[in-house]
Amino acid sequence: MSARPDAVVIGGGVIGLTTAIILQESGLTVQIWTGAPPESTTSAVAGATWFPYRAHPVDRVLAWSVRSKAYFDSMTDDPQTGVRIRESLQLWREELGTDPWWASAVPDLDRCAEEDLPDGYLGAYRFTQPVVTMPVHLPYLTRRFRDGGGTLVPRSVESLGEAAKAADVSVNCTGMAARDLSRDTGLIPVRGQWVRVTNPGITKVVADFGHPDGEAYIIPHEDSCILGGTADEGAWETTPSMDTAAAIIARCAELDPRLADARVLEHRAALRPVRPSGVRLELDDKHDSGGVLVHNYGHGGSGVTLSWGCAEEVKNLVLSRI
């Protein structure tokens, strides 16, 4: 193992990688400790689009989302990042009221005219959003971290004190594992399942979060589409259900009939780390392991969306203490 680093980030998903990169680019030497390689983390199962979903509190989430969006917008000219801006259509089965709470982060948000709505819908928002191909983006983040001198250490931990002994700064980015590591029983799994199919020519993101049989959304990538999904609160099973997959495909085919005949490429399921009391991003002054400990977990279904904004806040907290 390399010389003692300034900081150890525990967790190799999108939250851990972006946190490590921001700390590293602020001048610190950083190691990431992860029990699974980035491509095997929950982040690898993300859809993923920029969109604040199942994360609280609203004011902090909005601020983090805005900062992250600026990072993603700046990446779209480089195909190696896996980030692309796509038009998005969010359909609703009831009439729209005031603009959504996240509207200020999306300057091009517009409402669809009534005559443009598909049958069965009473309102819709149209906007653009970054879409992130995670099998491309996670390797990009890993290369960026390593190219900056960072070290990815394959290591699981049984206590946060292990990292505190190895560096003056440690950051807990462990997602659902924080339930045990931080004894945080308020962290609950919300199971998400999706199906990846061949892309029949779809170019825009389409979502119907109010479908009576469950969520329906289509996220197009270059040669495939992610079809979702589920939000099963308290479910721990990560093996995809074929009955659930068939129902997902049927719902999404209502949005675009071409999907009914698309070839299935992959089934995936994972656990979103939802913390109803709010994302835990704070200094821990009560721990007794020595050094600076920052928690950065509980991002729900918004890990990608909040990643860079939360990483910046971690950096500010760390630099205020060293």
C-alpha atoms as a PDB file:
ATOM      1  CA  MET A   1       0.000   0.000   0.000  1.00  0.00           C
ATOM      2  CA  SER A   2       1.166   3.537  -0.723  1.00  0.00           C
ATOM      3  CA  ALA A   3       2.320   6.082   1.861  1.00  0.00           C
ATOM      4  CA  ARG A   4      -0.176   7.399   4.384  1.00  0.00           C
ATOM      5  CA  PRO A   5      -2.800   9.462   2.517  1.00  0.00           C
ATOM      6  CA  ASP A   6      -4.371  12.696   3.690  1.00  0.00           C
ATOM      7  CA  ALA A   7      -7.839  11.217   3.273  1.00  0.00           C
ATOM      8  CA  VAL A   8      -9.579   7.871   2.930  1.00  0.00           C
ATOM      9  CA  VAL A   9     -12.967   7.738   1.223  1.00  0.00           C
ATOM     10  CA  ILE A  10     -14.918   4.596   2.105  1.00  0.00           C
ATOM     11  CA  GLY A  11     -17.084   3.473  -0.799  1.00  0.00           C
ATOM     12  CA  GLY A  12     -16.389   3.215  -4.520  1.00  0.00           C
ATOM     13  CA  GLY A  13     -19.739   4.182  -6.011  1.00  0.00           C
ATOM     14  CA  VAL A  14     -20.505   7.481  -7.709  1.00  0.00           C
ATOM     15  CA  ILE A  15     -20.665   9.341  -4.363  1.00  0.00           C
ATOM     16  CA  GLY A  16     -17.308   7.977  -3.215  1.00  0.00           C
ATOM     17  CA  LEU A  17     -15.599   8.533  -6.574  1.00  0.00           C
ATOM     18  CA  THR A  18     -16.732  12.139  -6.984  1.00  0.00           C
ATOM     19  CA  THR A  19     -15.927  12.934  -3.356  1.00  0.00           C
ATOM     20  CA  ALA A  20     -12.440  11.486  -3.765  1.00  0.00           C
ATOM     21  CA  ILE A  21     -11.861  13.430  -6.997  1.00  0.00           C
ATOM     22  CA  ILE A  22     -12.927  16.753  -5.495  1.00  0.00           C
ATOM     23  CA  LEU A  23     -10.771  16.212  -2.392  1.00  0.00           C
ATOM     24  CA  GLN A  24      -7.858  15.203  -4.597  1.00  0.00           C
ATOM     25  CA  GLU A  25      -8.258  18.230  -6.859  1.00  0.00           C
ATOM     26  CA  SER A  26      -8.229  20.452  -3.760  1.00  0.00           C
ATOM     27  CA  GLY A  27      -4.691  19.256  -3.053  1.00  0.00           C
ATOM     28  CA  LEU A  28      -5.141  16.228  -0.790  1.00  0.00           C
ATOM     29  CA  THR A  29      -3.742  12.745  -1.360  1.00  0.00           C
ATOM     30  CA  VAL A  30      -6.647  10.316  -1.340  1.00  0.00           C
ATOM     31  CA  GLN A  31      -7.343   6.613  -1.198  1.00  0.00           C
ATOM     32  CA  ILE A  32     -10.696   4.989  -1.912  1.00  0.00           C
ATOM     33  CA  TRP A  33     -11.438   1.854   0.075  1.00  0.00           C
ATOM     34  CA  THR A  34     -14.166  -0.226  -1.516  1.00  0.00           C
ATOM     35  CA  GLY A  35     -15.404  -3.736  -0.959  1.00  0.00           C
ATOM     36  CA  ALA A  36     -16.564  -3.954  -4.581  1.00  0.00           C
ATOM     37  CA  PRO A  37     -15.088  -2.379  -7.721  1.00  0.00           C
ATOM     38  CA  PRO A  38     -17.049   0.650  -8.999  1.00  0.00           C
ATOM     39  CA  GLU A  39     -18.624  -1.387 -11.791  1.00  0.00           C
ATOM     40  CA  SER A  40     -20.150  -3.732  -9.189  1.00  0.00           C
ATOM     41  CA  THR A  41     -21.601  -1.089  -6.876  1.00  0.00           C
ATOM     42  CA  THR A  42     -25.211   0.082  -6.664  1.00  0.00           C
ATOM     43  CA  SER A  43     -24.184   3.051  -8.818  1.00  0.00           C
ATOM     44  CA  ALA A  44     -23.603   0.703 -11.735  1.00  0.00           C
ATOM     45  CA  VAL A  45     -27.315  -0.102 -11.706  1.00  0.00           C
ATOM     46  CA  ALA A  46     -28.390   3.552 -11.880  1.00  0.00           C
ATOM     47  CA  GLY A  47     -30.441   4.534 -14.945  1.00  0.00           C
ATOM     48  CA  ALA A  48     -29.184   7.290 -14.799  1.00  0.00           C
ATOM     49  CA  THR A  49     -30.462  10.780 -15.395  1.00  0.00           C
ATOM     50  CA  TRP A  50     -30.006  14.053 -13.619  1.00  0.00           C
ATOM     51  CA  PHE A  51     -33.226  14.306 -11.653  1.00  0.00           C
ATOM     52  CA  PRO A  52     -33.759  14.792  -7.896  1.00  0.00           C
ATOM     53  CA  TYR A  53     -35.700  11.724  -6.722  1.00  0.00           C
ATOM     54  CA  ARG A  54     -36.367  10.350  -3.247  1.00  0.00           C
ATOM     55  CA  ALA A  55     -33.905  12.614  -1.443  1.00  0.00           C
ATOM     56  CA  HIS A  56     -34.414  15.192   1.286  1.00  0.00           C
ATOM     57  CA  PRO A  57     -34.383  17.966   2.462  1.00  0.00           C
ATOM     58  CA  VAL A  58     -35.604  19.924  -0.537  1.00  0.00           C
ATOM     59  CA  ASP A  59     -33.474  23.047  -0.033  1.00  0.00           C
ATOM     60  CA  ARG A  60     -30.171  21.182   0.311  1.00  0.00           C
ATOM     61  CA  VAL A  61     -31.046  18.716  -2.447  1.00  0.00           C
ATOM     62  CA  LEU A  62     -31.861  21.564  -4.819  1.00  0.00           C
ATOM     63  CA  ALA A  63     -28.544  23.312  -4.116  1.00  0.00           C
ATOM     64  CA  TRP A  64     -26.550  20.104  -4.595  1.00  0.00           C
ATOM     65  CA  SER A  65     -28.503  19.279  -7.755  1.00  0.00           C
ATOM     66  CA  VAL A  66     -27.742  22.660  -9.311  1.00  0.00           C
ATOM     67  CA  ARG A  67     -24.016  22.300  -8.654  1.00  0.00           C
ATOM     68  CA  SER A  68     -23.945  18.752 -10.010  1.00  0.00           C
ATOM     69  CA  LYS A  69     -25.848  19.743 -13.135  1.00  0.00           C
ATOM     70  CA  ALA A  70     -23.152  22.283 -13.954  1.00  0.00           C
ATOM     71  CA  TYR A  71     -20.542  19.513 -13.833  1.00  0.00           C
ATOM     72  CA  PHE A  72     -22.583  17.222 -16.063  1.00  0.00           C
ATOM     73  CA  ASP A  73     -23.341  20.008 -18.529  1.00  0.00           C
ATOM     74  CA  SER A  74     -19.605  20.637 -18.855  1.00  0.00           C
ATOM     75  CA  MET A  75     -18.938  16.957 -19.658  1.00  0.00           C
ATOM     76  CA  THR A  76     -21.240  16.581 -22.629  1.00  0.00           C
ATOM     77  CA  ASP A  77     -18.602  17.439 -25.251  1.00  0.00           C
ATOM     78  CA  ASP A  78     -16.414  14.495 -24.177  1.00  0.00           C
ATOM     79  CA  PRO A  79     -17.858  11.089 -25.168  1.00  0.00           C
ATOM     80  CA  GLN A  80     -15.536   9.365 -22.683  1.00  0.00           C
ATOM     81  CA  THR A  81     -17.624  10.771 -19.806  1.00  0.00           C
ATOM     82  CA  GLY A  82     -20.794   8.971 -20.880  1.00  0.00           C
ATOM     83  CA  VAL A  83     -22.861  12.146 -20.387  1.00  0.00           C
ATOM     84  CA  ARG A  84     -25.321  13.408 -22.976  1.00  0.00           C
ATOM     85  CA  ILE A  85     -28.078  16.032 -22.862  1.00  0.00           C
ATOM     86  CA  ARG A  86     -31.461  14.685 -23.935  1.00  0.00           C
ATOM     87  CA  GLU A  87     -34.951  16.116 -24.254  1.00  0.00           C
ATOM     88  CA  SER A  88     -37.250  14.758 -21.567  1.00  0.00           C
ATOM     89  CA  LEU A  89     -41.015  14.461 -21.266  1.00  0.00           C
ATOM     90  CA  GLN A  90     -42.608  13.941 -17.857  1.00  0.00           C
ATOM     91  CA  LEU A  91     -46.274  12.973 -18.211  1.00  0.00           C
ATOM     92  CA  TRP A  92     -48.908  13.411 -15.510  1.00  0.00           C
ATOM     93  CA  ARG A  93     -52.415  12.001 -15.187  1.00  0.00           C
ATOM     94  CA  GLU A  94     -53.701  15.007 -13.282  1.00  0.00           C
ATOM     95  CA  GLU A  95     -53.726  18.696 -14.121  1.00  0.00           C
ATOM     96  CA  LEU A  96     -50.510  20.497 -13.262  1.00  0.00           C
ATOM     97  CA  GLY A  97     -50.494  22.972 -10.424  1.00  0.00           C
ATOM     98  CA  THR A  98     -47.549  25.191  -9.612  1.00  0.00           C
ATOM     99  CA  ASP A  99     -44.161  24.387 -11.111  1.00  0.00           C
ATOM    100  CA  PRO A 100     -42.293  21.519  -9.412  1.00  0.00           C
ATOM    101  CA  TRP A 101     -39.926  22.334  -6.554  1.00  0.00           C
ATOM    102  CA  TRP A 102     -36.882  21.589  -8.752  1.00  0.00           C
ATOM    103  CA  ALA A 103     -37.981  23.943 -11.557  1.00  0.00           C
ATOM    104  CA  SER A 104     -35.414  26.652 -10.760  1.00  0.00           C
ATOM    105  CA  ALA A 105     -32.630  24.179 -11.623  1.00  0.00           C
ATOM    106  CA  VAL A 106     -34.044  23.634 -15.122  1.00  0.00           C
ATOM    107  CA  PRO A 107     -34.185  26.940 -17.041  1.00  0.00           C
ATOM    108  CA  ASP A 108     -35.789  25.369 -20.117  1.00  0.00           C
ATOM    109  CA  LEU A 109     -38.698  23.747 -18.241  1.00  0.00           C
ATOM    110  CA  ASP A 110     -41.927  24.156 -20.223  1.00  0.00           C
ATOM    111  CA  ARG A 111     -45.459  22.836 -20.063  1.00  0.00           C
ATOM    112  CA  CYS A 112     -46.875  20.938 -23.003  1.00  0.00           C
ATOM    113  CA  ALA A 113     -49.960  22.340 -24.692  1.00  0.00           C
ATOM    114  CA  GLU A 114     -53.146  20.368 -24.075  1.00  0.00           C
ATOM    115  CA  GLU A 115     -53.422  19.377 -27.742  1.00  0.00           C
ATOM    116  CA  ASP A 116     -49.937  17.815 -27.607  1.00  0.00           C
ATOM    117  CA  LEU A 117     -50.723  15.468 -24.720  1.00  0.00           C
ATOM    118  CA  PRO A 118     -51.141  11.730 -25.302  1.00  0.00           C
ATOM    119  CA  ASP A 119     -54.528  10.245 -24.431  1.00  0.00           C
ATOM    120  CA  GLY A 120     -55.012   9.743 -20.715  1.00  0.00           C
ATOM    121  CA  TYR A 121     -52.717  12.562 -19.588  1.00  0.00           C
ATOM    122  CA  LEU A 122     -53.759  15.979 -18.304  1.00  0.00           C
ATOM    123  CA  GLY A 123     -50.373  17.634 -18.065  1.00  0.00           C
ATOM    124  CA  ALA A 124     -46.708  17.269 -18.984  1.00  0.00           C
ATOM    125  CA  TYR A 125     -43.376  18.981 -18.460  1.00  0.00           C
ATOM    126  CA  ARG A 126     -40.804  19.195 -21.217  1.00  0.00           C
ATOM    127  CA  PHE A 127     -37.152  19.980 -20.414  1.00  0.00           C
ATOM    128  CA  THR A 128     -33.617  18.828 -21.110  1.00  0.00           C
ATOM    129  CA  GLN A 129     -31.522  16.846 -18.658  1.00  0.00           C
ATOM    130  CA  PRO A 130     -28.153  15.116 -18.562  1.00  0.00           C
ATOM    131  CA  VAL A 131     -28.387  11.364 -19.161  1.00  0.00           C
ATOM    132  CA  VAL A 132     -25.437   9.379 -17.830  1.00  0.00           C
ATOM    133  CA  THR A 133     -24.419   5.986 -19.209  1.00  0.00           C
ATOM    134  CA  MET A 134     -22.996   4.442 -16.052  1.00  0.00           C
ATOM    135  CA  PRO A 135     -20.928   1.655 -17.711  1.00  0.00           C
ATOM    136  CA  VAL A 136     -19.029   4.525 -19.369  1.00  0.00           C
ATOM    137  CA  HIS A 137     -19.179   7.120 -16.594  1.00  0.00           C
ATOM    138  CA  LEU A 138     -17.876   4.973 -13.737  1.00  0.00           C
ATOM    139  CA  PRO A 139     -14.702   3.973 -15.635  1.00  0.00           C
ATOM    140  CA  TYR A 140     -14.250   7.658 -16.570  1.00  0.00           C
ATOM    141  CA  LEU A 141     -14.430   8.671 -12.901  1.00  0.00           C
ATOM    142  CA  THR A 142     -12.057   5.866 -11.936  1.00  0.00           C
ATOM    143  CA  ARG A 143      -9.502   6.940 -14.576  1.00  0.00           C
ATOM    144  CA  ARG A 144      -9.797  10.570 -13.530  1.00  0.00           C
ATOM    145  CA  PHE A 145      -9.144   9.634  -9.915  1.00  0.00           C
ATOM    146  CA  ARG A 146      -6.192   7.383 -10.723  1.00  0.00           C
ATOM    147  CA  ASP A 147      -4.709   9.815 -13.247  1.00  0.00           C
ATOM    148  CA  GLY A 148      -4.705  12.413 -10.474  1.00  0.00           C
ATOM    149  CA  GLY A 149      -2.581  10.130  -8.302  1.00  0.00           C
ATOM    150  CA  GLY A 150      -5.375   8.455  -6.335  1.00  0.00           C
ATOM    151  CA  THR A 151      -5.308   4.837  -5.179  1.00  0.00           C
ATOM    152  CA  LEU A 152      -8.273   2.471  -5.296  1.00  0.00           C
ATOM    153  CA  VAL A 153      -7.853  -0.090  -2.514  1.00  0.00           C
ATOM    154  CA  PRO A 154     -10.015  -3.255  -2.596  1.00  0.00           C
ATOM    155  CA  ARG A 155     -10.917  -3.403   1.054  1.00  0.00           C
ATOM    156  CA  SER A 156     -14.067  -3.894   3.099  1.00  0.00           C
ATOM    157  CA  VAL A 157     -14.325  -2.336   6.546  1.00  0.00           C
ATOM    158  CA  GLU A 158     -16.060  -3.440   9.707  1.00  0.00           C
ATOM    159  CA  SER A 159     -15.817  -0.066  11.438  1.00  0.00           C
ATOM    160  CA  LEU A 160     -15.271   3.544  10.454  1.00  0.00           C
ATOM    161  CA  GLY A 161     -12.370   3.646  12.872  1.00  0.00           C
ATOM    162  CA  GLU A 162     -10.259   1.596  10.456  1.00  0.00           C
ATOM    163  CA  ALA A 163     -10.077   4.514   8.019  1.00  0.00           C
ATOM    164  CA  ALA A 164      -9.538   7.004  10.831  1.00  0.00           C
ATOM    165  CA  LYS A 165      -6.361   5.129  11.783  1.00  0.00           C
ATOM    166  CA  ALA A 166      -5.085   5.264   8.211  1.00  0.00           C
ATOM    167  CA  ALA A 167      -5.600   8.987   7.468  1.00  0.00           C
ATOM    168  CA  ASP A 168      -6.351  12.275   9.192  1.00  0.00           C
ATOM    169  CA  VAL A 169      -9.559  12.599   7.140  1.00  0.00           C
ATOM    170  CA  SER A 170     -12.106   9.876   6.453  1.00  0.00           C
ATOM    171  CA  VAL A 171     -15.357  10.161   4.515  1.00  0.00           C
ATOM    172  CA  ASN A 172     -18.188   7.668   4.837  1.00  0.00           C
ATOM    173  CA  CYS A 173     -19.727   7.173   1.362  1.00  0.00           C
ATOM    174  CA  THR A 174     -21.007   3.661   1.933  1.00  0.00           C
ATOM    175  CA  GLY A 175     -24.655   3.919   0.831  1.00  0.00           C
ATOM    176  CA  MET A 176     -26.826   1.184   2.348  1.00  0.00           C
ATOM    177  CA  ALA A 177     -23.817  -0.232   4.214  1.00  0.00           C
ATOM    178  CA  ALA A 178     -23.926   2.883   6.395  1.00  0.00           C
ATOM    179  CA  ARG A 179     -26.964   1.367   8.098  1.00  0.00           C
ATOM    180  CA  ASP A 180     -24.589  -0.994   9.914  1.00  0.00           C
ATOM    181  CA  LEU A 181     -21.367   1.010   9.888  1.00  0.00           C
ATOM    182  CA  SER A 182     -23.055   4.115  11.320  1.00  0.00           C
ATOM    183  CA  ARG A 183     -25.774   2.245  13.223  1.00  0.00           C
ATOM    184  CA  ASP A 184     -28.283   4.302  11.245  1.00  0.00           C
ATOM    185  CA  THR A 185     -31.552   2.354  11.308  1.00  0.00           C
ATOM    186  CA  GLY A 186     -33.277   5.327   9.673  1.00  0.00           C
ATOM    187  CA  LEU A 187     -31.611   4.335   6.395  1.00  0.00           C
ATOM    188  CA  ILE A 188     -34.017   2.143   4.435  1.00  0.00           C
ATOM    189  CA  PRO A 189     -33.718   0.273   1.135  1.00  0.00           C
ATOM    190  CA  VAL A 190     -36.015   1.189  -1.731  1.00  0.00           C
ATOM    191  CA  ARG A 191     -35.616  -1.528  -4.339  1.00  0.00           C
ATOM    192  CA  GLY A 192     -35.354  -0.475  -7.953  1.00  0.00           C
ATOM    193  CA  GLN A 193     -35.548  -2.869 -10.897  1.00  0.00           C
ATOM    194  CA  TRP A 194     -35.100  -2.122 -14.594  1.00  0.00           C
ATOM    195  CA  VAL A 195     -34.795  -3.863 -17.930  1.00  0.00           C
ATOM    196  CA  ARG A 196     -32.309  -2.910 -20.652  1.00  0.00           C
ATOM    197  CA  VAL A 197     -33.522  -3.478 -24.217  1.00  0.00           C
ATOM    198  CA  THR A 198     -32.364  -2.650 -27.721  1.00  0.00           C
ATOM    199  CA  ASN A 199     -33.190   0.912 -28.722  1.00  0.00           C
ATOM    200  CA  PRO A 200     -35.808   1.006 -31.512  1.00  0.00           C
ATOM    201  CA  GLY A 201     -35.000   4.647 -32.288  1.00  0.00           C
ATOM    202  CA  ILE A 202     -36.009   6.451 -29.097  1.00  0.00           C
ATOM    203  CA  THR A 203     -34.132   9.704 -28.423  1.00  0.00           C
ATOM    204  CA  LYS A 204     -35.963  11.348 -25.525  1.00  0.00           C
ATOM    205  CA  VAL A 205     -36.493  10.408 -21.894  1.00  0.00           C
ATOM    206  CA  VAL A 206     -40.164   9.735 -21.135  1.00  0.00           C
ATOM    207  CA  ALA A 207     -41.618   9.185 -17.665  1.00  0.00           C
ATOM    208  CA  ASP A 208     -45.031   8.440 -16.188  1.00  0.00           C
ATOM    209  CA  PHE A 209     -44.569   8.391 -12.425  1.00  0.00           C
ATOM    210  CA  GLY A 210     -48.325   8.223 -11.860  1.00  0.00           C
ATOM    211  CA  HIS A 211     -49.058   5.016 -13.771  1.00  0.00           C
ATOM    212  CA  PRO A 212     -51.653   3.079 -11.717  1.00  0.00           C
ATOM    213  CA  ASP A 213     -49.593  -0.131 -11.915  1.00  0.00           C
ATOM    214  CA  GLY A 214     -46.274   1.461 -10.947  1.00  0.00           C
ATOM    215  CA  GLU A 215     -43.670   3.827 -12.313  1.00  0.00           C
ATOM    216  CA  ALA A 216     -42.908   3.789 -16.027  1.00  0.00           C
ATOM    217  CA  TYR A 217     -39.882   5.474 -17.555  1.00  0.00           C
ATOM    218  CA  ILE A 218     -37.727   5.157 -20.654  1.00  0.00           C
ATOM    219  CA  ILE A 219     -34.099   6.291 -20.622  1.00  0.00           C
ATOM    220  CA  PRO A 220     -32.462   6.043 -24.048  1.00  0.00           C
ATOM    221  CA  HIS A 221     -28.758   5.454 -24.499  1.00  0.00           C
ATOM    222  CA  GLU A 222     -26.908   5.117 -27.789  1.00  0.00           C
ATOM    223  CA  ASP A 223     -27.784   1.522 -28.603  1.00  0.00           C
ATOM    224  CA  SER A 224     -30.146   0.536 -25.799  1.00  0.00           C
ATOM    225  CA  CYS A 225     -32.882   1.806 -23.510  1.00  0.00           C
ATOM    226  CA  ILE A 226     -33.315   1.454 -19.768  1.00  0.00           C
ATOM    227  CA  LEU A 227     -36.941   0.657 -18.891  1.00  0.00           C
ATOM    228  CA  GLY A 228     -38.135   1.135 -15.354  1.00  0.00           C
ATOM    229  CA  GLY A 229     -39.133   0.703 -12.815  1.00  0.00           C
ATOM    230  CA  THR A 230     -39.995  -0.055  -9.233  1.00  0.00           C
ATOM    231  CA  ALA A 231     -39.762   1.668  -5.858  1.00  0.00           C
ATOM    232  CA  ASP A 232     -40.305  -1.115  -3.337  1.00  0.00           C
ATOM    233  CA  GLU A 233     -39.743   0.398   0.091  1.00  0.00           C
ATOM    234  CA  GLY A 234     -38.197  -1.927   2.653  1.00  0.00           C
ATOM    235  CA  ALA A 235     -37.412  -4.659   0.111  1.00  0.00           C
ATOM    236  CA  TRP A 236     -33.921  -6.185   0.292  1.00  0.00           C
ATOM    237  CA  GLU A 237     -34.028  -8.616  -2.647  1.00  0.00           C
ATOM    238  CA  THR A 238     -31.608  -7.729  -5.461  1.00  0.00           C
ATOM    239  CA  THR A 239     -32.385 -10.656  -7.762  1.00  0.00           C
ATOM    240  CA  PRO A 240     -34.530  -9.349 -10.647  1.00  0.00           C
ATOM    241  CA  SER A 241     -38.060 -10.730 -10.864  1.00  0.00           C
ATOM    242  CA  MET A 242     -39.104 -11.845 -14.358  1.00  0.00           C
ATOM    243  CA  ASP A 243     -42.772 -11.124 -13.591  1.00  0.00           C
ATOM    244  CA  THR A 244     -41.820  -7.605 -12.541  1.00  0.00           C
ATOM    245  CA  ALA A 245     -39.698  -7.226 -15.666  1.00  0.00           C
ATOM    246  CA  ALA A 246     -42.620  -8.216 -17.893  1.00  0.00           C
ATOM    247  CA  ALA A 247     -44.833  -5.662 -16.151  1.00  0.00           C
ATOM    248  CA  ILE A 248     -42.201  -2.946 -16.596  1.00  0.00           C
ATOM    249  CA  ILE A 249     -41.925  -3.662 -20.315  1.00  0.00           C
ATOM    250  CA  ALA A 250     -45.712  -3.582 -20.676  1.00  0.00           C
ATOM    251  CA  ARG A 251     -45.986  -0.202 -18.934  1.00  0.00           C
ATOM    252  CA  CYS A 252     -43.198   1.290 -21.011  1.00  0.00           C
ATOM    253  CA  ALA A 253     -44.724  -0.088 -24.222  1.00  0.00           C
ATOM    254  CA  GLU A 254     -47.784   2.014 -23.412  1.00  0.00           C
ATOM    255  CA  LEU A 255     -45.475   5.046 -23.642  1.00  0.00           C
ATOM    256  CA  ASP A 256     -43.820   3.822 -26.859  1.00  0.00           C
ATOM    257  CA  PRO A 257     -45.328   0.737 -28.584  1.00  0.00           C
ATOM    258  CA  ARG A 258     -42.038  -0.013 -30.346  1.00  0.00           C
ATOM    259  CA  LEU A 259     -40.699  -1.317 -27.042  1.00  0.00           C
ATOM    260  CA  ALA A 260     -43.083  -4.282 -27.046  1.00  0.00           C
ATOM    261  CA  ASP A 261     -40.861  -6.023 -29.600  1.00  0.00           C
ATOM    262  CA  ALA A 262     -37.479  -4.775 -28.383  1.00  0.00           C
ATOM    263  CA  ARG A 263     -34.942  -7.476 -27.536  1.00  0.00           C
ATOM    264  CA  VAL A 264     -34.131  -7.778 -23.847  1.00  0.00           C
ATOM    265  CA  LEU A 265     -30.420  -7.350 -23.122  1.00  0.00           C
ATOM    266  CA  GLU A 266     -30.198  -7.262 -19.338  1.00  0.00           C
ATOM    267  CA  HIS A 267     -32.136  -7.344 -16.074  1.00  0.00           C
ATOM    268  CA  ARG A 268     -30.863  -5.487 -13.007  1.00  0.00           C
ATOM    269  CA  ALA A 269     -32.065  -4.609  -9.510  1.00  0.00           C
ATOM    270  CA  ALA A 270     -30.453  -2.705  -6.643  1.00  0.00           C
ATOM    271  CA  LEU A 271     -31.262  -0.926  -3.391  1.00  0.00           C
ATOM    272  CA  ARG A 272     -31.554   2.849  -3.251  1.00  0.00           C
ATOM    273  CA  PRO A 273     -30.255   4.116   0.126  1.00  0.00           C
ATOM    274  CA  VAL A 274     -33.181   6.289   1.215  1.00  0.00           C
ATOM    275  CA  ARG A 275     -32.992   8.306   4.409  1.00  0.00           C
ATOM    276  CA  PRO A 276     -36.400   9.932   5.106  1.00  0.00           C
ATOM    277  CA  SER A 277     -34.857  12.304   7.638  1.00  0.00           C
ATOM    278  CA  GLY A 278     -32.540  13.631   4.923  1.00  0.00           C
ATOM    279  CA  VAL A 279     -29.222  12.962   3.243  1.00  0.00           C
ATOM    280  CA  ARG A 280     -26.558  12.687   5.912  1.00  0.00           C
ATOM    281  CA  LEU A 281     -23.805  15.078   4.911  1.00  0.00           C
ATOM    282  CA  GLU A 282     -22.112  16.403   8.010  1.00  0.00           C
ATOM    283  CA  LEU A 283     -19.045  16.397  10.177  1.00  0.00           C
ATOM    284  CA  ASP A 284     -19.189  13.806  12.947  1.00  0.00           C
ATOM    285  CA  ASP A 285     -17.880  15.451  16.092  1.00  0.00           C
ATOM    286  CA  LYS A 286     -19.080  12.630  18.328  1.00  0.00           C
ATOM    287  CA  HIS A 287     -16.908   9.847  16.969  1.00  0.00           C
ATOM    288  CA  ASP A 288     -13.955   8.779  19.074  1.00  0.00           C
ATOM    289  CA  SER A 289     -11.625   7.503  16.371  1.00  0.00           C
ATOM    290  CA  GLY A 290      -9.583  10.660  16.011  1.00  0.00           C
ATOM    291  CA  GLY A 291      -9.155  12.871  12.974  1.00  0.00           C
ATOM    292  CA  VAL A 292     -11.904  14.357  10.814  1.00  0.00           C
ATOM    293  CA  LEU A 293     -14.895  12.167   9.882  1.00  0.00           C
ATOM    294  CA  VAL A 294     -17.508  13.303   7.366  1.00  0.00           C
ATOM    295  CA  HIS A 295     -20.644  11.356   6.479  1.00  0.00           C
ATOM    296  CA  ASN A 296     -21.954  11.507   2.923  1.00  0.00           C
ATOM    297  CA  TYR A 297     -24.701   8.930   2.408  1.00  0.00           C
ATOM    298  CA  GLY A 298     -28.456   8.463   2.143  1.00  0.00           C
ATOM    299  CA  HIS A 299     -28.922  10.003  -1.315  1.00  0.00           C
ATOM    300  CA  GLY A 300     -31.930   7.848  -2.188  1.00  0.00           C
ATOM    301  CA  GLY A 301     -32.553   7.702  -5.920  1.00  0.00           C
ATOM    302  CA  SER A 302     -30.426  10.801  -6.502  1.00  0.00           C
ATOM    303  CA  GLY A 303     -26.871   9.575  -6.069  1.00  0.00           C
ATOM    304  CA  VAL A 304     -25.805  10.634  -9.558  1.00  0.00           C
ATOM    305  CA  THR A 305     -27.856  13.833  -9.407  1.00  0.00           C
ATOM    306  CA  LEU A 306     -26.329  14.988  -6.114  1.00  0.00           C
ATOM    307  CA  SER A 307     -22.837  13.554  -6.492  1.00  0.00           C
ATOM    308  CA  TRP A 308     -20.731  16.581  -7.439  1.00  0.00           C
ATOM    309  CA  GLY A 309     -22.651  19.066  -5.305  1.00  0.00           C
ATOM    310  CA  CYS A 310     -22.291  16.864  -2.237  1.00  0.00           C
ATOM    311  CA  ALA A 311     -18.607  16.287  -3.016  1.00  0.00           C
ATOM    312  CA  GLU A 312     -18.037  20.041  -3.019  1.00  0.00           C
ATOM    313  CA  GLU A 313     -19.704  20.365   0.386  1.00  0.00           C
ATOM    314  CA  VAL A 314     -17.561  17.540   1.778  1.00  0.00           C
ATOM    315  CA  LYS A 315     -14.464  19.366   0.538  1.00  0.00           C
ATOM    316  CA  ASN A 316     -15.567  22.579   2.266  1.00  0.00           C
ATOM    317  CA  LEU A 317     -16.202  20.748   5.530  1.00  0.00           C
ATOM    318  CA  VAL A 318     -12.839  18.994   5.389  1.00  0.00           C
ATOM    319  CA  LEU A 319     -10.849  22.109   4.543  1.00  0.00           C
ATOM    320  CA  SER A 320     -12.508  23.962   7.407  1.00  0.00           C
ATOM    321  CA  ARG A 321     -10.989  21.436   9.846  1.00  0.00           C
ATOM    322  CA  ILE A 322      -7.475  20.819   8.561  1.00  0.00           C
END
